[in-house]
C-alpha atoms as a PDB file:
ATOM      1  CA  MET A   1       3.992 -21.217  20.633  1.00  0.00           C
ATOM      2  CA  ASN A   2       1.085 -22.363  18.093  1.00  0.00           C
ATOM      3  CA  VAL A   3       1.232 -22.287  14.568  1.00  0.00           C
ATOM      4  CA  THR A   4      -0.759 -18.983  14.375  1.00  0.00           C
ATOM      5  CA  GLY A   5       1.422 -17.251  17.033  1.00  0.00           C
ATOM      6  CA  GLU A   6       4.274 -18.410  14.881  1.00  0.00           C
ATOM      7  CA  VAL A   7       2.446 -17.021  11.582  1.00  0.00           C
ATOM      8  CA  VAL A   8       1.902 -13.790  13.221  1.00  0.00           C
ATOM      9  CA  ALA A   9       5.410 -13.431  14.636  1.00  0.00           C
ATOM     10  CA  LEU A  10       6.890 -14.206  11.097  1.00  0.00           C
ATOM     11  CA  MET A  11       4.475 -11.721   9.324  1.00  0.00           C
ATOM     12  CA  GLY A  12       5.660  -9.378  11.929  1.00  0.00           C
ATOM     13  CA  GLU A  13       9.084  -9.937  10.958  1.00  0.00           C
ATOM     14  CA  ILE A  14       8.526  -9.285   7.270  1.00  0.00           C
ATOM     15  CA  ALA A  15       6.693  -5.907   8.013  1.00  0.00           C
ATOM     16  CA  VAL A  16       9.661  -4.651   9.856  1.00  0.00           C
ATOM     17  CA  ARG A  17      11.871  -5.727   7.038  1.00  0.00           C
ATOM     18  CA  TYR A  18       9.480  -4.656   4.108  1.00  0.00           C
ATOM     19  CA  ASN A  19       9.245  -1.096   5.953  1.00  0.00           C
ATOM     20  CA  ARG A  20      12.560  -0.879   6.434  1.00  0.00           C
ATOM     21  CA  SER A  21      13.637  -1.387   2.889  1.00  0.00           C
ATOM     22  CA  TYR A  22      10.951   0.765   1.646  1.00  0.00           C
ATOM     23  CA  GLU A  23      11.922   3.722   4.061  1.00  0.00           C
ATOM     24  CA  GLU A  24      15.630   3.051   2.695  1.00  0.00           C
ATOM     25  CA  ALA A  25      14.497   2.959  -1.212  1.00  0.00           C
ATOM     26  CA  ALA A  26      12.175   6.441  -0.513  1.00  0.00           C
ATOM     27  CA  THR A  27      15.249   8.207   1.253  1.00  0.00           C
ATOM     28  CA  ARG A  28      17.437   7.247  -2.177  1.00  0.00           C
ATOM     29  CA  HIS A  29      14.943   8.882  -4.069  1.00  0.00           C
ATOM     30  CA  GLN A  30      14.463  12.314  -1.500  1.00  0.00           C
ATOM     31  CA  LEU A  31      11.049  11.075  -0.506  1.00  0.00           C
ATOM     32  CA  THR A  32       9.520  10.039   2.753  1.00  0.00           C
ATOM     33  CA  ALA A  33       8.150   6.550   3.135  1.00  0.00           C
ATOM     34  CA  LEU A  34       4.506   7.713   3.102  1.00  0.00           C
ATOM     35  CA  GLN A  35       5.459   9.760  -0.279  1.00  0.00           C
ATOM     36  CA  ALA A  36       6.805   6.335  -1.812  1.00  0.00           C
ATOM     37  CA  LYS A  37       3.615   4.730  -0.590  1.00  0.00           C
ATOM     38  CA  ALA A  38       1.409   7.085  -2.196  1.00  0.00           C
ATOM     39  CA  LEU A  39       3.305   6.913  -5.581  1.00  0.00           C
ATOM     40  CA  MET A  40       2.994   3.351  -5.211  1.00  0.00           C
ATOM     41  CA  LEU A  41      -0.862   3.095  -4.550  1.00  0.00           C
ATOM     42  CA  VAL A  42      -1.613   5.881  -7.215  1.00  0.00           C
ATOM     43  CA  ALA A  43       0.262   3.535  -9.738  1.00  0.00           C
ATOM     44  CA  ALA A  44      -2.117   0.632  -9.578  1.00  0.00           C
ATOM     45  CA  GLU A  45      -5.298   2.961  -9.659  1.00  0.00           C
ATOM     46  CA  PRO A  46      -5.991   6.797  -9.519  1.00  0.00           C
ATOM     47  CA  LEU A  47      -7.379   7.653  -6.134  1.00  0.00           C
ATOM     48  CA  PRO A  48      -9.028  10.212  -4.378  1.00  0.00           C
ATOM     49  CA  MET A  49      -7.354  11.541  -1.383  1.00  0.00           C
ATOM     50  CA  ARG A  50      -9.728  10.642   0.962  1.00  0.00           C
ATOM     51  CA  ARG A  51      -9.454   7.154   0.298  1.00  0.00           C
ATOM     52  CA  MET A  52      -5.650   7.565   0.331  1.00  0.00           C
ATOM     53  CA  ALA A  53      -6.358   9.284   3.806  1.00  0.00           C
ATOM     54  CA  ARG A  54      -8.349   5.796   4.953  1.00  0.00           C
ATOM     55  CA  LEU A  55      -5.844   3.462   3.350  1.00  0.00           C
ATOM     56  CA  PHE A  56      -3.214   5.501   5.272  1.00  0.00           C
ATOM     57  CA  ASN A  57      -5.024   5.375   8.574  1.00  0.00           C
ATOM     58  CA  CYS A  58      -4.790   9.191   8.830  1.00  0.00           C
ATOM     59  CA  ASP A  59      -6.573  12.580   8.479  1.00  0.00           C
ATOM     60  CA  PRO A  60      -7.041  13.756   4.852  1.00  0.00           C
ATOM     61  CA  SER A  61      -5.090  16.923   5.465  1.00  0.00           C
ATOM     62  CA  ASN A  62      -2.047  14.594   6.160  1.00  0.00           C
ATOM     63  CA  VAL A  63      -2.709  13.445   2.558  1.00  0.00           C
ATOM     64  CA  THR A  64      -3.028  16.940   1.219  1.00  0.00           C
ATOM     65  CA  GLY A  65       0.305  17.765   2.485  1.00  0.00           C
ATOM     66  CA  ILE A  66       1.548  14.705   1.110  1.00  0.00           C
ATOM     67  CA  VAL A  67       0.038  15.057  -2.495  1.00  0.00           C
ATOM     68  CA  ASP A  68       1.071  18.620  -2.521  1.00  0.00           C
ATOM     69  CA  ARG A  69       4.629  17.971  -2.362  1.00  0.00           C
ATOM     70  CA  LEU A  70       4.557  15.099  -4.962  1.00  0.00           C
ATOM     71  CA  GLU A  71       2.676  17.434  -7.191  1.00  0.00           C
ATOM     72  CA  GLY A  72       5.442  20.215  -6.650  1.00  0.00           C
ATOM     73  CA  ARG A  73       7.891  17.835  -7.576  1.00  0.00           C
ATOM     74  CA  GLY A  74       5.963  16.748 -10.952  1.00  0.00           C
ATOM     75  CA  PHE A  75       5.120  13.077  -9.780  1.00  0.00           C
ATOM     76  CA  VAL A  76       1.440  13.435  -9.455  1.00  0.00           C
ATOM     77  CA  ARG A  77      -1.654  15.802 -10.724  1.00  0.00           C
ATOM     78  CA  ARG A  78      -5.106  16.315  -9.352  1.00  0.00           C
ATOM     79  CA  GLU A  79      -7.759  15.407 -11.887  1.00  0.00           C
ATOM     80  CA  PRO A  80     -11.950  15.396 -11.551  1.00  0.00           C
ATOM     81  CA  ASP A  81     -13.120  12.241 -11.127  1.00  0.00           C
ATOM     82  CA  PRO A  82     -15.458  11.242 -14.243  1.00  0.00           C
ATOM     83  CA  ALA A  83     -18.102  10.132 -11.759  1.00  0.00           C
ATOM     84  CA  ASP A  84     -18.197  12.919  -9.453  1.00  0.00           C
ATOM     85  CA  ARG A  85     -16.414  16.177 -10.870  1.00  0.00           C
ATOM     86  CA  ARG A  86     -16.421  17.369  -6.971  1.00  0.00           C
ATOM     87  CA  VAL A  87     -13.863  14.661  -6.076  1.00  0.00           C
ATOM     88  CA  LYS A  88     -10.091  14.712  -7.233  1.00  0.00           C
ATOM     89  CA  ASN A  89      -8.458  11.535  -8.292  1.00  0.00           C
ATOM     90  CA  ILE A  90      -4.695  11.674  -7.651  1.00  0.00           C
ATOM     91  CA  THR A  91      -3.022  10.243 -10.879  1.00  0.00           C
ATOM     92  CA  LEU A  92       0.644   9.530 -11.766  1.00  0.00           C
ATOM     93  CA  THR A  93       2.712  12.032 -14.327  1.00  0.00           C
ATOM     94  CA  PRO A  94       5.241  10.208 -16.811  1.00  0.00           C
ATOM     95  CA  GLU A  95       7.696  11.536 -14.170  1.00  0.00           C
ATOM     96  CA  GLY A  96       5.760  10.128 -11.397  1.00  0.00           C
ATOM     97  CA  ARG A  97       5.553   6.606 -13.393  1.00  0.00           C
ATOM     98  CA  GLN A  98       9.672   7.046 -13.808  1.00  0.00           C
ATOM     99  CA  ALA A  99       9.761   7.407  -9.846  1.00  0.00           C
ATOM    100  CA  VAL A 100       7.347   4.442  -9.580  1.00  0.00           C
ATOM    101  CA  ARG A 101       9.750   2.018 -11.415  1.00  0.00           C
ATOM    102  CA  GLU A 102      12.899   3.361  -9.881  1.00  0.00           C
ATOM    103  CA  LEU A 103      11.644   2.633  -6.268  1.00  0.00           C
ATOM    104  CA  ARG A 104      10.031  -0.893  -7.413  1.00  0.00           C
ATOM    105  CA  HIS A 105      13.919  -1.595  -8.421  1.00  0.00           C
ATOM    106  CA  SER A 106      15.070  -0.032  -5.150  1.00  0.00           C
ATOM    107  CA  LEU A 107      12.922  -2.586  -3.040  1.00  0.00           C
ATOM    108  CA  GLY A 108      15.345  -5.201  -2.511  1.00  0.00           C
ATOM    109  CA  PHE A 109      13.814  -6.825   0.126  1.00  0.00           C
ATOM    110  CA  ALA A 110      10.260  -7.266  -1.337  1.00  0.00           C
ATOM    111  CA  ALA A 111      11.269  -9.473  -4.220  1.00  0.00           C
ATOM    112  CA  ALA A 112      14.584 -11.082  -2.675  1.00  0.00           C
ATOM    113  CA  PRO A 113      13.094 -13.428  -0.354  1.00  0.00           C
ATOM    114  CA  LEU A 114      10.366 -14.612  -2.768  1.00  0.00           C
ATOM    115  CA  ALA A 115      13.195 -16.137  -4.998  1.00  0.00           C
ATOM    116  CA  ALA A 116      13.459 -18.868  -3.028  1.00  0.00           C
ATOM    117  CA  LEU A 117      10.133 -19.764  -3.491  1.00  0.00           C
ATOM    118  CA  THR A 118       9.271 -21.728  -6.758  1.00  0.00           C
ATOM    119  CA  GLU A 119       6.507 -20.159  -9.001  1.00  0.00           C
ATOM    120  CA  PRO A 120       3.926 -22.592  -7.831  1.00  0.00           C
ATOM    121  CA  GLU A 121       4.711 -21.518  -4.301  1.00  0.00           C
ATOM    122  CA  ARG A 122       4.551 -18.149  -5.049  1.00  0.00           C
ATOM    123  CA  VAL A 123       1.192 -18.386  -6.328  1.00  0.00           C
ATOM    124  CA  GLN A 124       0.354 -20.337  -3.597  1.00  0.00           C
ATOM    125  CA  LEU A 125       1.450 -17.533  -0.982  1.00  0.00           C
ATOM    126  CA  ARG A 126      -0.525 -14.940  -2.949  1.00  0.00           C
ATOM    127  CA  ASP A 127      -3.385 -16.976  -3.084  1.00  0.00           C
ATOM    128  CA  LEU A 128      -3.219 -17.410   0.710  1.00  0.00           C
ATOM    129  CA  LEU A 129      -2.677 -13.557   1.312  1.00  0.00           C
ATOM    130  CA  GLN A 130      -5.597 -12.754  -1.015  1.00  0.00           C
ATOM    131  CA  ARG A 131      -7.983 -15.198   1.117  1.00  0.00           C
ATOM    132  CA  MET A 132      -6.735 -13.274   4.561  1.00  0.00           C
ATOM    133  CA  LEU A 133      -7.014  -9.862   2.711  1.00  0.00           C
ATOM    134  CA  ALA A 134     -10.702 -10.762   1.505  1.00  0.00           C
ATOM    135  CA  ALA A 135     -11.598 -12.373   5.215  1.00  0.00           C
ATOM    136  CA  ASP A 136     -10.325  -9.421   6.813  1.00  0.00           C
ATOM    137  CA  ALA A 137     -12.247  -7.116   4.433  1.00  0.00           C
ATOM    138  CA  ASP A 138     -15.635  -9.269   5.419  1.00  0.00           C
ATOM    139  CA  ALA A 139     -14.678  -8.819   9.187  1.00  0.00           C
ATOM    140  CA  ASP A 140     -14.647  -4.763   8.548  1.00  0.00           C
ATOM    141  CA  THR A 141     -18.179  -5.134   6.661  1.00  0.00           C
ATOM    142  CA  ASP A 142     -19.369  -7.164   9.538  1.00  0.00           C
ATOM    143  CA  ALA A 143     -18.105  -4.616  11.963  1.00  0.00           C
ATOM    144  CA  ASP A 144     -19.589  -1.866  10.388  1.00  0.00           C
ATOM    145  CA  THR A 145     -22.899  -3.480  10.253  1.00  0.00           C
ATOM    146  CA  GLY A 146     -22.853  -5.081  13.323  1.00  0.00           C
ATOM    147  CA  THR A 147     -22.856  -8.508  12.283  1.00  0.00           C
ATOM    148  CA  GLY A 148     -20.809 -11.572  13.120  1.00  0.00           C
ATOM    149  CA  THR A 149     -19.265 -12.321  16.503  1.00  0.00           C
ATOM    150  CA  GLY A 150     -16.356  -9.945  16.485  1.00  0.00           C
ATOM    151  CA  GLU A 151     -14.094 -12.866  18.009  1.00  0.00           C
ATOM    152  CA  MET A 152     -11.029 -14.047  16.339  1.00  0.00           C
ATOM    153  CA  PRO A 153     -10.690 -17.551  15.023  1.00  0.00           C
END
């Protein structure tokens, strides 16, 4: 196997472990994995449900159900977007912020392996991952506009 194949395999293993840890943490807080992920996304910034649906790669009606349940538990609320009052942003309530803190504390796998790296190594890993995501975003833009080769490097 070449280095690229090894990296892809390792990233896959990390994703499997991370998702398992995420599901276990969500279950401990009586949440589904998608509810927990929605809380984490909204903790970073208020999001319209349509954007959340794109991030989850699902139909907006599925996100409506997720948000309805989170709202019912008092974790989120729908607020008009200041730029377009027709759009509703999902924001955290104080109870939602507390739930996010507890979830983050419960995600042992997310932090434990990083402790094996030095601070400069974590910075380097962060920077490399950001470059990968930026390159992927550029590839998505090329695909949307019909430019680029469509080939994998």
